Amino acid sequence: MAILKMAKDANILENNMVQTQASSAGTLSAIIFIIPGMLTLFASGLIVGESLIGVALAAIIVVSVSSGGSDSPLALVGSDFADTAEFLGLIVFLITLAIFGKTVLGNKNN
């Protein structure tokens, strides 16, 4: 703007153009420099959160084992449920596959 004041024939439209370009440059710099930093902080938070959950789970297992409990204190079912779990997993996978297939093929006809 100071450069425009030195020009004798500068008008308000040129001043508005300079201000608009400066505002756009500020927005662009925010996109280029601030958003990657925010994403880095978000990723760091996920890493730290996962680490804290791992430490908490290890503490629960240590307390359970040292007090005479099992080494899997958070298990919801026994070890004899493995065959049933594999069968149920296969059924859920096939149902999900059928739903996705119907959705894709249904949209193909439209």
PDB file of N, CA and C in Angstrom:
ATOM      1  N   MET A   1       0.825  -1.185   0.000  1.00  0.00           N
ATOM      2  CA  MET A   1       0.000   0.000   0.000  1.00  0.00           C
ATOM      3  C   MET A   1       0.870   1.250   0.000  1.00  0.00           C
ATOM      4  N   ALA A   2       1.994   1.211   0.681  1.00  0.00           N
ATOM      5  CA  ALA A   2       2.876   2.382   0.700  1.00  0.00           C
ATOM      6  C   ALA A   2       3.429   2.654  -0.680  1.00  0.00           C
ATOM      7  N   ILE A   3       3.650   1.594  -1.431  1.00  0.00           N
ATOM      8  CA  ILE A   3       4.154   1.775  -2.799  1.00  0.00           C
ATOM      9  C   ILE A   3       3.092   2.447  -3.654  1.00  0.00           C
ATOM     10  N   LEU A   4       1.822   2.088  -3.450  1.00  0.00           N
ATOM     11  CA  LEU A   4       0.754   2.715  -4.218  1.00  0.00           C
ATOM     12  C   LEU A   4       0.596   4.191  -3.877  1.00  0.00           C
ATOM     13  N   LYS A   5       0.879   4.586  -2.637  1.00  0.00           N
ATOM     14  CA  LYS A   5       0.783   5.986  -2.269  1.00  0.00           C
ATOM     15  C   LYS A   5       1.829   6.823  -2.987  1.00  0.00           C
ATOM     16  N   MET A   6       2.957   6.199  -3.311  1.00  0.00           N
ATOM     17  CA  MET A   6       3.993   6.929  -4.054  1.00  0.00           C
ATOM     18  C   MET A   6       3.565   7.169  -5.491  1.00  0.00           C
ATOM     19  N   ALA A   7       2.739   6.293  -6.028  1.00  0.00           N
ATOM     20  CA  ALA A   7       2.262   6.473  -7.394  1.00  0.00           C
ATOM     21  C   ALA A   7       1.194   7.566  -7.389  1.00  0.00           C
ATOM     22  N   LYS A   8       1.286   8.479  -8.298  1.00  0.00           N
ATOM     23  CA  LYS A   8       0.375   9.623  -8.329  1.00  0.00           C
ATOM     24  C   LYS A   8      -1.024   9.241  -8.787  1.00  0.00           C
ATOM     25  N   ASP A   9      -1.126   8.258  -9.662  1.00  0.00           N
ATOM     26  CA  ASP A   9      -2.432   7.925 -10.231  1.00  0.00           C
ATOM     27  C   ASP A   9      -3.068   6.693  -9.577  1.00  0.00           C
ATOM     28  N   ALA A  10      -2.691   6.354  -8.348  1.00  0.00           N
ATOM     29  CA  ALA A  10      -3.277   5.208  -7.648  1.00  0.00           C
ATOM     30  C   ALA A  10      -4.694   5.561  -7.197  1.00  0.00           C
ATOM     31  N   ASN A  11      -5.583   4.592  -7.297  1.00  0.00           N
ATOM     32  CA  ASN A  11      -6.959   4.829  -6.858  1.00  0.00           C
ATOM     33  C   ASN A  11      -7.393   3.739  -5.886  1.00  0.00           C
ATOM     34  N   ILE A  12      -8.635   3.829  -5.420  1.00  0.00           N
ATOM     35  CA  ILE A  12      -9.146   2.907  -4.406  1.00  0.00           C
ATOM     36  C   ILE A  12      -9.256   1.481  -4.933  1.00  0.00           C
ATOM     37  N   LEU A  13      -9.512   1.325  -6.224  1.00  0.00           N
ATOM     38  CA  LEU A  13      -9.615  -0.032  -6.778  1.00  0.00           C
ATOM     39  C   LEU A  13      -8.275  -0.755  -6.716  1.00  0.00           C
ATOM     40  N   GLU A  14      -7.200  -0.048  -6.989  1.00  0.00           N
ATOM     41  CA  GLU A  14      -5.882  -0.659  -6.900  1.00  0.00           C
ATOM     42  C   GLU A  14      -5.540  -1.004  -5.460  1.00  0.00           C
ATOM     43  N   ASN A  15      -5.935  -0.131  -4.529  1.00  0.00           N
ATOM     44  CA  ASN A  15      -5.729  -0.439  -3.113  1.00  0.00           C
ATOM     45  C   ASN A  15      -6.504  -1.690  -2.702  1.00  0.00           C
ATOM     46  N   ASN A  16      -7.727  -1.822  -3.171  1.00  0.00           N
ATOM     47  CA  ASN A  16      -8.534  -3.008  -2.852  1.00  0.00           C
ATOM     48  C   ASN A  16      -7.914  -4.267  -3.447  1.00  0.00           C
ATOM     49  N   MET A  17      -7.369  -4.159  -4.661  1.00  0.00           N
ATOM     50  CA  MET A  17      -6.723  -5.323  -5.263  1.00  0.00           C
ATOM     51  C   MET A  17      -5.506  -5.756  -4.446  1.00  0.00           C
ATOM     52  N   VAL A  18      -4.729  -4.796  -3.978  1.00  0.00           N
ATOM     53  CA  VAL A  18      -3.545  -5.125  -3.178  1.00  0.00           C
ATOM     54  C   VAL A  18      -3.956  -5.786  -1.869  1.00  0.00           C
ATOM     55  N   GLN A  19      -4.986  -5.259  -1.227  1.00  0.00           N
ATOM     56  CA  GLN A  19      -5.444  -5.847   0.036  1.00  0.00           C
ATOM     57  C   GLN A  19      -6.000  -7.240  -0.177  1.00  0.00           C
ATOM     58  N   THR A  20      -6.719  -7.451  -1.273  1.00  0.00           N
ATOM     59  CA  THR A  20      -7.262  -8.779  -1.561  1.00  0.00           C
ATOM     60  C   THR A  20      -6.144  -9.783  -1.807  1.00  0.00           C
ATOM     61  N   GLN A  21      -5.132  -9.367  -2.548  1.00  0.00           N
ATOM     62  CA  GLN A  21      -4.007 -10.265  -2.810  1.00  0.00           C
ATOM     63  C   GLN A  21      -3.237 -10.577  -1.527  1.00  0.00           C
ATOM     64  N   ALA A  22      -3.092  -9.585  -0.655  1.00  0.00           N
ATOM     65  CA  ALA A  22      -2.398  -9.824   0.612  1.00  0.00           C
ATOM     66  C   ALA A  22      -3.190 -10.788   1.487  1.00  0.00           C
ATOM     67  N   SER A  23      -4.517 -10.630   1.475  1.00  0.00           N
ATOM     68  CA  SER A  23      -5.363 -11.540   2.253  1.00  0.00           C
ATOM     69  C   SER A  23      -5.273 -12.959   1.699  1.00  0.00           C
ATOM     70  N   SER A  24      -5.271 -13.083   0.378  1.00  0.00           N
ATOM     71  CA  SER A  24      -5.148 -14.407  -0.242  1.00  0.00           C
ATOM     72  C   SER A  24      -3.801 -15.034   0.092  1.00  0.00           C
ATOM     73  N   ALA A  25      -2.764 -14.220   0.109  1.00  0.00           N
ATOM     74  CA  ALA A  25      -1.442 -14.746   0.453  1.00  0.00           C
ATOM     75  C   ALA A  25      -1.414 -15.246   1.890  1.00  0.00           C
ATOM     76  N   GLY A  26      -2.091 -14.542   2.788  1.00  0.00           N
ATOM     77  CA  GLY A  26      -2.159 -14.993   4.177  1.00  0.00           C
ATOM     78  C   GLY A  26      -2.893 -16.311   4.301  1.00  0.00           C
ATOM     79  N   THR A  27      -3.984 -16.455   3.562  1.00  0.00           N
ATOM     80  CA  THR A  27      -4.735 -17.710   3.589  1.00  0.00           C
ATOM     81  C   THR A  27      -3.905 -18.852   3.016  1.00  0.00           C
ATOM     82  N   LEU A  28      -3.216 -18.581   1.929  1.00  0.00           N
ATOM     83  CA  LEU A  28      -2.381 -19.610   1.310  1.00  0.00           C
ATOM     84  C   LEU A  28      -1.251 -20.040   2.236  1.00  0.00           C
ATOM     85  N   SER A  29      -0.652 -19.075   2.928  1.00  0.00           N
ATOM     86  CA  SER A  29       0.426 -19.444   3.849  1.00  0.00           C
ATOM     87  C   SER A  29      -0.116 -20.282   5.007  1.00  0.00           C
ATOM     88  N   ALA A  30      -1.344 -20.007   5.434  1.00  0.00           N
ATOM     89  CA  ALA A  30      -1.941 -20.821   6.486  1.00  0.00           C
ATOM     90  C   ALA A  30      -2.154 -22.248   6.007  1.00  0.00           C
ATOM     91  N   ILE A  31      -2.598 -22.386   4.777  1.00  0.00           N
ATOM     92  CA  ILE A  31      -2.825 -23.729   4.231  1.00  0.00           C
ATOM     93  C   ILE A  31      -1.500 -24.474   4.098  1.00  0.00           C
ATOM     94  N   ILE A  32      -0.478 -23.774   3.637  1.00  0.00           N
ATOM     95  CA  ILE A  32       0.805 -24.434   3.376  1.00  0.00           C
ATOM     96  C   ILE A  32       1.547 -24.780   4.662  1.00  0.00           C
ATOM     97  N   PHE A  33       1.496 -23.891   5.649  1.00  0.00           N
ATOM     98  CA  PHE A  33       2.356 -24.076   6.820  1.00  0.00           C
ATOM     99  C   PHE A  33       1.609 -24.539   8.073  1.00  0.00           C
ATOM    100  N   ILE A  34       0.393 -24.113   8.285  1.00  0.00           N
ATOM    101  CA  ILE A  34      -0.293 -24.424   9.542  1.00  0.00           C
ATOM    102  C   ILE A  34      -0.970 -25.789   9.497  1.00  0.00           C
ATOM    103  N   ILE A  35      -1.628 -26.112   8.394  1.00  0.00           N
ATOM    104  CA  ILE A  35      -2.364 -27.389   8.334  1.00  0.00           C
ATOM    105  C   ILE A  35      -1.430 -28.597   8.451  1.00  0.00           C
ATOM    106  N   PRO A  36      -0.275 -28.643   7.775  1.00  0.00           N
ATOM    107  CA  PRO A  36       0.622 -29.789   8.011  1.00  0.00           C
ATOM    108  C   PRO A  36       1.085 -29.900   9.461  1.00  0.00           C
ATOM    109  N   GLY A  37       1.298 -28.750  10.099  1.00  0.00           N
ATOM    110  CA  GLY A  37       1.666 -28.784  11.518  1.00  0.00           C
ATOM    111  C   GLY A  37       0.553 -29.350  12.378  1.00  0.00           C
ATOM    112  N   MET A  38      -0.691 -28.984  12.057  1.00  0.00           N
ATOM    113  CA  MET A  38      -1.825 -29.517  12.812  1.00  0.00           C
ATOM    114  C   MET A  38      -1.960 -31.026  12.597  1.00  0.00           C
ATOM    115  N   LEU A  39      -1.735 -31.468  11.370  1.00  0.00           N
ATOM    116  CA  LEU A  39      -1.807 -32.907  11.105  1.00  0.00           C
ATOM    117  C   LEU A  39      -0.700 -33.661  11.826  1.00  0.00           C
ATOM    118  N   THR A  40       0.471 -33.044  11.910  1.00  0.00           N
ATOM    119  CA  THR A  40       1.573 -33.673  12.646  1.00  0.00           C
ATOM    120  C   THR A  40       1.228 -33.797  14.124  1.00  0.00           C
ATOM    121  N   LEU A  41       0.636 -32.738  14.682  1.00  0.00           N
ATOM    122  CA  LEU A  41       0.229 -32.804  16.080  1.00  0.00           C
ATOM    123  C   LEU A  41      -0.841 -33.868  16.297  1.00  0.00           C
ATOM    124  N   PHE A  42      -1.789 -33.969  15.355  1.00  0.00           N
ATOM    125  CA  PHE A  42      -2.837 -34.984  15.462  1.00  0.00           C
ATOM    126  C   PHE A  42      -2.238 -36.390  15.435  1.00  0.00           C
ATOM    127  N   ALA A  43      -1.301 -36.621  14.512  1.00  0.00           N
ATOM    128  CA  ALA A  43      -0.653 -37.938  14.422  1.00  0.00           C
ATOM    129  C   ALA A  43       0.134 -38.232  15.690  1.00  0.00           C
ATOM    130  N   SER A  44       0.801 -37.220  16.228  1.00  0.00           N
ATOM    131  CA  SER A  44       1.549 -37.419  17.477  1.00  0.00           C
ATOM    132  C   SER A  44       0.608 -37.775  18.612  1.00  0.00           C
ATOM    133  N   GLY A  45      -0.549 -37.128  18.626  1.00  0.00           N
ATOM    134  CA  GLY A  45      -1.540 -37.447  19.653  1.00  0.00           C
ATOM    135  C   GLY A  45      -2.034 -38.872  19.550  1.00  0.00           C
ATOM    136  N   LEU A  46      -2.224 -39.347  18.314  1.00  0.00           N
ATOM    137  CA  LEU A  46      -2.646 -40.742  18.142  1.00  0.00           C
ATOM    138  C   LEU A  46      -1.573 -41.707  18.625  1.00  0.00           C
ATOM    139  N   ILE A  47      -0.317 -41.388  18.331  1.00  0.00           N
ATOM    140  CA  ILE A  47       0.785 -42.259  18.756  1.00  0.00           C
ATOM    141  C   ILE A  47       0.877 -42.291  20.275  1.00  0.00           C
ATOM    142  N   VAL A  48       0.793 -41.126  20.900  1.00  0.00           N
ATOM    143  CA  VAL A  48       0.870 -41.071  22.365  1.00  0.00           C
ATOM    144  C   VAL A  48      -0.334 -41.765  22.983  1.00  0.00           C
ATOM    145  N   GLY A  49      -1.510 -41.569  22.408  1.00  0.00           N
ATOM    146  CA  GLY A  49      -2.701 -42.238  22.932  1.00  0.00           C
ATOM    147  C   GLY A  49      -2.584 -43.744  22.874  1.00  0.00           C
ATOM    148  N   GLU A  50      -2.064 -44.245  21.757  1.00  0.00           N
ATOM    149  CA  GLU A  50      -1.869 -45.684  21.636  1.00  0.00           C
ATOM    150  C   GLU A  50      -0.863 -46.183  22.659  1.00  0.00           C
ATOM    151  N   SER A  51       0.183 -45.420  22.890  1.00  0.00           N
ATOM    152  CA  SER A  51       1.184 -45.809  23.884  1.00  0.00           C
ATOM    153  C   SER A  51       0.583 -45.854  25.282  1.00  0.00           C
ATOM    154  N   LEU A  52      -0.231 -44.859  25.606  1.00  0.00           N
ATOM    155  CA  LEU A  52      -0.854 -44.835  26.936  1.00  0.00           C
ATOM    156  C   LEU A  52      -1.814 -46.012  27.132  1.00  0.00           C
ATOM    157  N   ILE A  53      -2.569 -46.349  26.079  1.00  0.00           N
ATOM    158  CA  ILE A  53      -3.468 -47.512  26.175  1.00  0.00           C
ATOM    159  C   ILE A  53      -2.657 -48.787  26.364  1.00  0.00           C
ATOM    160  N   GLY A  54      -1.530 -48.913  25.657  1.00  0.00           N
ATOM    161  CA  GLY A  54      -0.669 -50.090  25.817  1.00  0.00           C
ATOM    162  C   GLY A  54      -0.127 -50.212  27.224  1.00  0.00           C
ATOM    163  N   VAL A  55       0.285 -49.089  27.813  1.00  0.00           N
ATOM    164  CA  VAL A  55       0.790 -49.109  29.190  1.00  0.00           C
ATOM    165  C   VAL A  55      -0.332 -49.478  30.160  1.00  0.00           C
ATOM    166  N   ALA A  56      -1.533 -48.947  29.928  1.00  0.00           N
ATOM    167  CA  ALA A  56      -2.663 -49.273  30.806  1.00  0.00           C
ATOM    168  C   ALA A  56      -3.017 -50.756  30.719  1.00  0.00           C
ATOM    169  N   LEU A  57      -3.035 -51.309  29.505  1.00  0.00           N
ATOM    170  CA  LEU A  57      -3.331 -52.740  29.363  1.00  0.00           C
ATOM    171  C   LEU A  57      -2.250 -53.601  30.011  1.00  0.00           C
ATOM    172  N   ALA A  58      -0.986 -53.202  29.863  1.00  0.00           N
ATOM    173  CA  ALA A  58       0.094 -53.948  30.508  1.00  0.00           C
ATOM    174  C   ALA A  58      -0.046 -53.902  32.019  1.00  0.00           C
ATOM    175  N   ALA A  59      -0.430 -52.750  32.558  1.00  0.00           N
ATOM    176  CA  ALA A  59      -0.620 -52.638  34.008  1.00  0.00           C
ATOM    177  C   ALA A  59      -1.754 -53.535  34.482  1.00  0.00           C
ATOM    178  N   ILE A  60      -2.835 -53.596  33.728  1.00  0.00           N
ATOM    179  CA  ILE A  60      -3.960 -54.474  34.103  1.00  0.00           C
ATOM    180  C   ILE A  60      -3.520 -55.929  34.105  1.00  0.00           C
ATOM    181  N   ILE A  61      -2.755 -56.336  33.096  1.00  0.00           N
ATOM    182  CA  ILE A  61      -2.291 -57.727  33.028  1.00  0.00           C
ATOM    183  C   ILE A  61      -1.323 -58.035  34.163  1.00  0.00           C
ATOM    184  N   VAL A  62      -0.425 -57.118  34.490  1.00  0.00           N
ATOM    185  CA  VAL A  62       0.532 -57.336  35.587  1.00  0.00           C
ATOM    186  C   VAL A  62      -0.200 -57.476  36.907  1.00  0.00           C
ATOM    187  N   VAL A  63      -1.183 -56.615  37.147  1.00  0.00           N
ATOM    188  CA  VAL A  63      -1.948 -56.703  38.400  1.00  0.00           C
ATOM    189  C   VAL A  63      -2.704 -58.019  38.460  1.00  0.00           C
ATOM    190  N   SER A  64      -3.272 -58.442  37.345  1.00  0.00           N
ATOM    191  CA  SER A  64      -4.026 -59.699  37.329  1.00  0.00           C
ATOM    192  C   SER A  64      -3.119 -60.898  37.571  1.00  0.00           C
ATOM    193  N   VAL A  65      -1.970 -60.945  36.907  1.00  0.00           N
ATOM    194  CA  VAL A  65      -1.067 -62.090  37.045  1.00  0.00           C
ATOM    195  C   VAL A  65      -0.453 -62.110  38.447  1.00  0.00           C
ATOM    196  N   SER A  66      -0.066 -60.942  38.957  1.00  0.00           N
ATOM    197  CA  SER A  66       0.578 -60.920  40.272  1.00  0.00           C
ATOM    198  C   SER A  66      -0.397 -61.226  41.403  1.00  0.00           C
ATOM    199  N   SER A  67      -1.695 -61.046  41.170  1.00  0.00           N
ATOM    200  CA  SER A  67      -2.664 -61.381  42.214  1.00  0.00           C
ATOM    201  C   SER A  67      -3.219 -62.790  42.046  1.00  0.00           C
ATOM    202  N   GLY A  68      -2.630 -63.565  41.143  1.00  0.00           N
ATOM    203  CA  GLY A  68      -3.039 -64.959  40.980  1.00  0.00           C
ATOM    204  C   GLY A  68      -4.079 -65.169  39.907  1.00  0.00           C
ATOM    205  N   GLY A  69      -4.408 -64.158  39.135  1.00  0.00           N
ATOM    206  CA  GLY A  69      -5.399 -64.284  38.071  1.00  0.00           C
ATOM    207  C   GLY A  69      -4.790 -64.815  36.793  1.00  0.00           C
ATOM    208  N   SER A  70      -5.554 -64.737  35.723  1.00  0.00           N
ATOM    209  CA  SER A  70      -5.074 -65.245  34.432  1.00  0.00           C
ATOM    210  C   SER A  70      -4.263 -64.167  33.714  1.00  0.00           C
ATOM    211  N   ASP A  71      -3.590 -64.596  32.631  1.00  0.00           N
ATOM    212  CA  ASP A  71      -2.816 -63.644  31.856  1.00  0.00           C
ATOM    213  C   ASP A  71      -3.659 -62.939  30.796  1.00  0.00           C
ATOM    214  N   SER A  72      -4.952 -63.201  30.748  1.00  0.00           N
ATOM    215  CA  SER A  72      -5.863 -62.490  29.846  1.00  0.00           C
ATOM    216  C   SER A  72      -7.096 -62.039  30.644  1.00  0.00           C
ATOM    217  N   PRO A  73      -6.934 -61.020  31.477  1.00  0.00           N
ATOM    218  CA  PRO A  73      -8.032 -60.615  32.354  1.00  0.00           C
ATOM    219  C   PRO A  73      -9.180 -59.926  31.632  1.00  0.00           C
ATOM    220  N   LEU A  74      -8.969 -59.450  30.423  1.00  0.00           N
ATOM    221  CA  LEU A  74     -10.029 -58.747  29.690  1.00  0.00           C
ATOM    222  C   LEU A  74     -10.749 -59.644  28.690  1.00  0.00           C
ATOM    223  N   ALA A  75     -10.465 -60.936  28.693  1.00  0.00           N
ATOM    224  CA  ALA A  75     -11.103 -61.858  27.759  1.00  0.00           C
ATOM    225  C   ALA A  75     -12.594 -61.969  28.080  1.00  0.00           C
ATOM    226  N   LEU A  76     -13.412 -61.865  27.046  1.00  0.00           N
ATOM    227  CA  LEU A  76     -14.861 -61.949  27.245  1.00  0.00           C
ATOM    228  C   LEU A  76     -15.378 -63.378  27.166  1.00  0.00           C
ATOM    229  N   VAL A  77     -14.686 -64.228  26.409  1.00  0.00           N
ATOM    230  CA  VAL A  77     -15.101 -65.621  26.241  1.00  0.00           C
ATOM    231  C   VAL A  77     -13.903 -66.524  26.490  1.00  0.00           C
ATOM    232  N   GLY A  78     -14.158 -67.793  26.651  1.00  0.00           N
ATOM    233  CA  GLY A  78     -13.089 -68.752  26.892  1.00  0.00           C
ATOM    234  C   GLY A  78     -12.361 -69.133  25.612  1.00  0.00           C
ATOM    235  N   SER A  79     -11.327 -69.950  25.761  1.00  0.00           N
ATOM    236  CA  SER A  79     -10.526 -70.364  24.601  1.00  0.00           C
ATOM    237  C   SER A  79     -11.265 -71.374  23.730  1.00  0.00           C
ATOM    238  N   ASP A  80     -12.333 -71.996  24.233  1.00  0.00           N
ATOM    239  CA  ASP A  80     -13.087 -72.963  23.438  1.00  0.00           C
ATOM    240  C   ASP A  80     -14.022 -72.269  22.440  1.00  0.00           C
ATOM    241  N   PHE A  81     -14.054 -70.957  22.425  1.00  0.00           N
ATOM    242  CA  PHE A  81     -14.921 -70.190  21.514  1.00  0.00           C
ATOM    243  C   PHE A  81     -14.241 -69.917  20.174  1.00  0.00           C
ATOM    244  N   ALA A  82     -12.999 -70.360  19.980  1.00  0.00           N
ATOM    245  CA  ALA A  82     -12.222 -70.016  18.782  1.00  0.00           C
ATOM    246  C   ALA A  82     -12.885 -70.520  17.500  1.00  0.00           C
ATOM    247  N   ASP A  83     -13.349 -71.769  17.476  1.00  0.00           N
ATOM    248  CA  ASP A  83     -13.976 -72.308  16.263  1.00  0.00           C
ATOM    249  C   ASP A  83     -15.265 -71.559  15.932  1.00  0.00           C
ATOM    250  N   THR A  84     -16.058 -71.276  16.941  1.00  0.00           N
ATOM    251  CA  THR A  84     -17.297 -70.533  16.732  1.00  0.00           C
ATOM    252  C   THR A  84     -17.005 -69.119  16.244  1.00  0.00           C
ATOM    253  N   ALA A  85     -15.966 -68.502  16.776  1.00  0.00           N
ATOM    254  CA  ALA A  85     -15.612 -67.146  16.364  1.00  0.00           C
ATOM    255  C   ALA A  85     -15.186 -67.110  14.899  1.00  0.00           C
ATOM    256  N   GLU A  86     -14.439 -68.100  14.454  1.00  0.00           N
ATOM    257  CA  GLU A  86     -14.032 -68.149  13.047  1.00  0.00           C
ATOM    258  C   GLU A  86     -15.245 -68.314  12.142  1.00  0.00           C
ATOM    259  N   PHE A  87     -16.182 -69.172  12.540  1.00  0.00           N
ATOM    260  CA  PHE A  87     -17.397 -69.381  11.743  1.00  0.00           C
ATOM    261  C   PHE A  87     -18.233 -68.098  11.702  1.00  0.00           C
ATOM    262  N   LEU A  88     -18.409 -67.434  12.848  1.00  0.00           N
ATOM    263  CA  LEU A  88     -19.178 -66.191  12.881  1.00  0.00           C
ATOM    264  C   LEU A  88     -18.492 -65.095  12.067  1.00  0.00           C
ATOM    265  N   GLY A  89     -17.176 -65.034  12.109  1.00  0.00           N
ATOM    266  CA  GLY A  89     -16.443 -64.060  11.307  1.00  0.00           C
ATOM    267  C   GLY A  89     -16.663 -64.274   9.824  1.00  0.00           C
ATOM    268  N   LEU A  90     -16.668 -65.545   9.391  1.00  0.00           N
ATOM    269  CA  LEU A  90     -16.920 -65.860   7.989  1.00  0.00           C
ATOM    270  C   LEU A  90     -18.330 -65.451   7.583  1.00  0.00           C
ATOM    271  N   ILE A  91     -19.306 -65.709   8.426  1.00  0.00           N
ATOM    272  CA  ILE A  91     -20.698 -65.350   8.130  1.00  0.00           C
ATOM    273  C   ILE A  91     -20.842 -63.831   8.005  1.00  0.00           C
ATOM    274  N   VAL A  92     -20.253 -63.074   8.933  1.00  0.00           N
ATOM    275  CA  VAL A  92     -20.336 -61.612   8.884  1.00  0.00           C
ATOM    276  C   VAL A  92     -19.642 -61.083   7.629  1.00  0.00           C
ATOM    277  N   PHE A  93     -18.501 -61.669   7.259  1.00  0.00           N
ATOM    278  CA  PHE A  93     -17.795 -61.251   6.050  1.00  0.00           C
ATOM    279  C   PHE A  93     -18.652 -61.492   4.814  1.00  0.00           C
ATOM    280  N   LEU A  94     -19.282 -62.644   4.722  1.00  0.00           N
ATOM    281  CA  LEU A  94     -20.110 -62.945   3.551  1.00  0.00           C
ATOM    282  C   LEU A  94     -21.325 -62.029   3.474  1.00  0.00           C
ATOM    283  N   ILE A  95     -21.943 -61.723   4.615  1.00  0.00           N
ATOM    284  CA  ILE A  95     -23.088 -60.802   4.621  1.00  0.00           C
ATOM    285  C   ILE A  95     -22.653 -59.406   4.175  1.00  0.00           C
ATOM    286  N   THR A  96     -21.518 -58.951   4.684  1.00  0.00           N
ATOM    287  CA  THR A  96     -21.002 -57.639   4.288  1.00  0.00           C
ATOM    288  C   THR A  96     -20.672 -57.615   2.798  1.00  0.00           C
ATOM    289  N   LEU A  97     -20.077 -58.683   2.286  1.00  0.00           N
ATOM    290  CA  LEU A  97     -19.764 -58.784   0.874  1.00  0.00           C
ATOM    291  C   LEU A  97     -21.040 -58.738   0.033  1.00  0.00           C
ATOM    292  N   ALA A  98     -22.089 -59.411   0.478  1.00  0.00           N
ATOM    293  CA  ALA A  98     -23.360 -59.404  -0.257  1.00  0.00           C
ATOM    294  C   ALA A  98     -23.978 -58.004  -0.255  1.00  0.00           C
ATOM    295  N   ILE A  99     -23.908 -57.312   0.873  1.00  0.00           N
ATOM    296  CA  ILE A  99     -24.470 -55.948   0.943  1.00  0.00           C
ATOM    297  C   ILE A  99     -23.714 -55.015   0.013  1.00  0.00           C
ATOM    298  N   PHE A 100     -22.385 -55.072   0.033  1.00  0.00           N
ATOM    299  CA  PHE A 100     -21.587 -54.213  -0.847  1.00  0.00           C
ATOM    300  C   PHE A 100     -21.835 -54.569  -2.314  1.00  0.00           C
ATOM    301  N   GLY A 101     -21.911 -55.851  -2.613  1.00  0.00           N
ATOM    302  CA  GLY A 101     -22.184 -56.274  -3.989  1.00  0.00           C
ATOM    303  C   GLY A 101     -23.528 -55.792  -4.485  1.00  0.00           C
ATOM    304  N   LYS A 102     -24.541 -55.893  -3.643  1.00  0.00           N
ATOM    305  CA  LYS A 102     -25.880 -55.420  -4.023  1.00  0.00           C
ATOM    306  C   LYS A 102     -25.876 -53.899  -4.219  1.00  0.00           C
ATOM    307  N   THR A 103     -25.152 -53.189  -3.371  1.00  0.00           N
ATOM    308  CA  THR A 103     -25.084 -51.735  -3.487  1.00  0.00           C
ATOM    309  C   THR A 103     -24.397 -51.323  -4.784  1.00  0.00           C
ATOM    310  N   VAL A 104     -23.283 -51.965  -5.108  1.00  0.00           N
ATOM    311  CA  VAL A 104     -22.535 -51.605  -6.320  1.00  0.00           C
ATOM    312  C   VAL A 104     -23.310 -51.978  -7.557  1.00  0.00           C
ATOM    313  N   LEU A 105     -23.834 -53.179  -7.599  1.00  0.00           N
ATOM    314  CA  LEU A 105     -24.576 -53.598  -8.774  1.00  0.00           C
ATOM    315  C   LEU A 105     -25.905 -52.871  -8.904  1.00  0.00           C
ATOM    316  N   GLY A 106     -26.499 -52.485  -7.777  1.00  0.00           N
ATOM    317  CA  GLY A 106     -27.750 -51.715  -7.817  1.00  0.00           C
ATOM    318  C   GLY A 106     -27.518 -50.329  -8.374  1.00  0.00           C
ATOM    319  N   ASN A 107     -26.396 -49.713  -8.067  1.00  0.00           N
ATOM    320  CA  ASN A 107     -26.079 -48.387  -8.589  1.00  0.00           C
ATOM    321  C   ASN A 107     -25.639 -48.446 -10.050  1.00  0.00           C
ATOM    322  N   LYS A 108     -25.162 -49.595 -10.492  1.00  0.00           N
ATOM    323  CA  LYS A 108     -24.696 -49.743 -11.867  1.00  0.00           C
ATOM    324  C   LYS A 108     -25.872 -49.654 -12.830  1.00  0.00           C
ATOM    325  N   ASN A 109     -27.028 -50.147 -12.442  1.00  0.00           N
ATOM    326  CA  ASN A 109     -28.196 -50.141 -13.304  1.00  0.00           C
ATOM    327  C   ASN A 109     -28.796 -48.757 -13.462  1.00  0.00           C
ATOM    328  N   ASN A 110     -28.536 -47.858 -12.521  1.00  0.00           N
ATOM    329  CA  ASN A 110     -29.135 -46.512 -12.583  1.00  0.00           C
ATOM    330  C   ASN A 110     -28.424 -45.622 -13.527  1.00  0.00           C
TER     331      ASN A 110
END
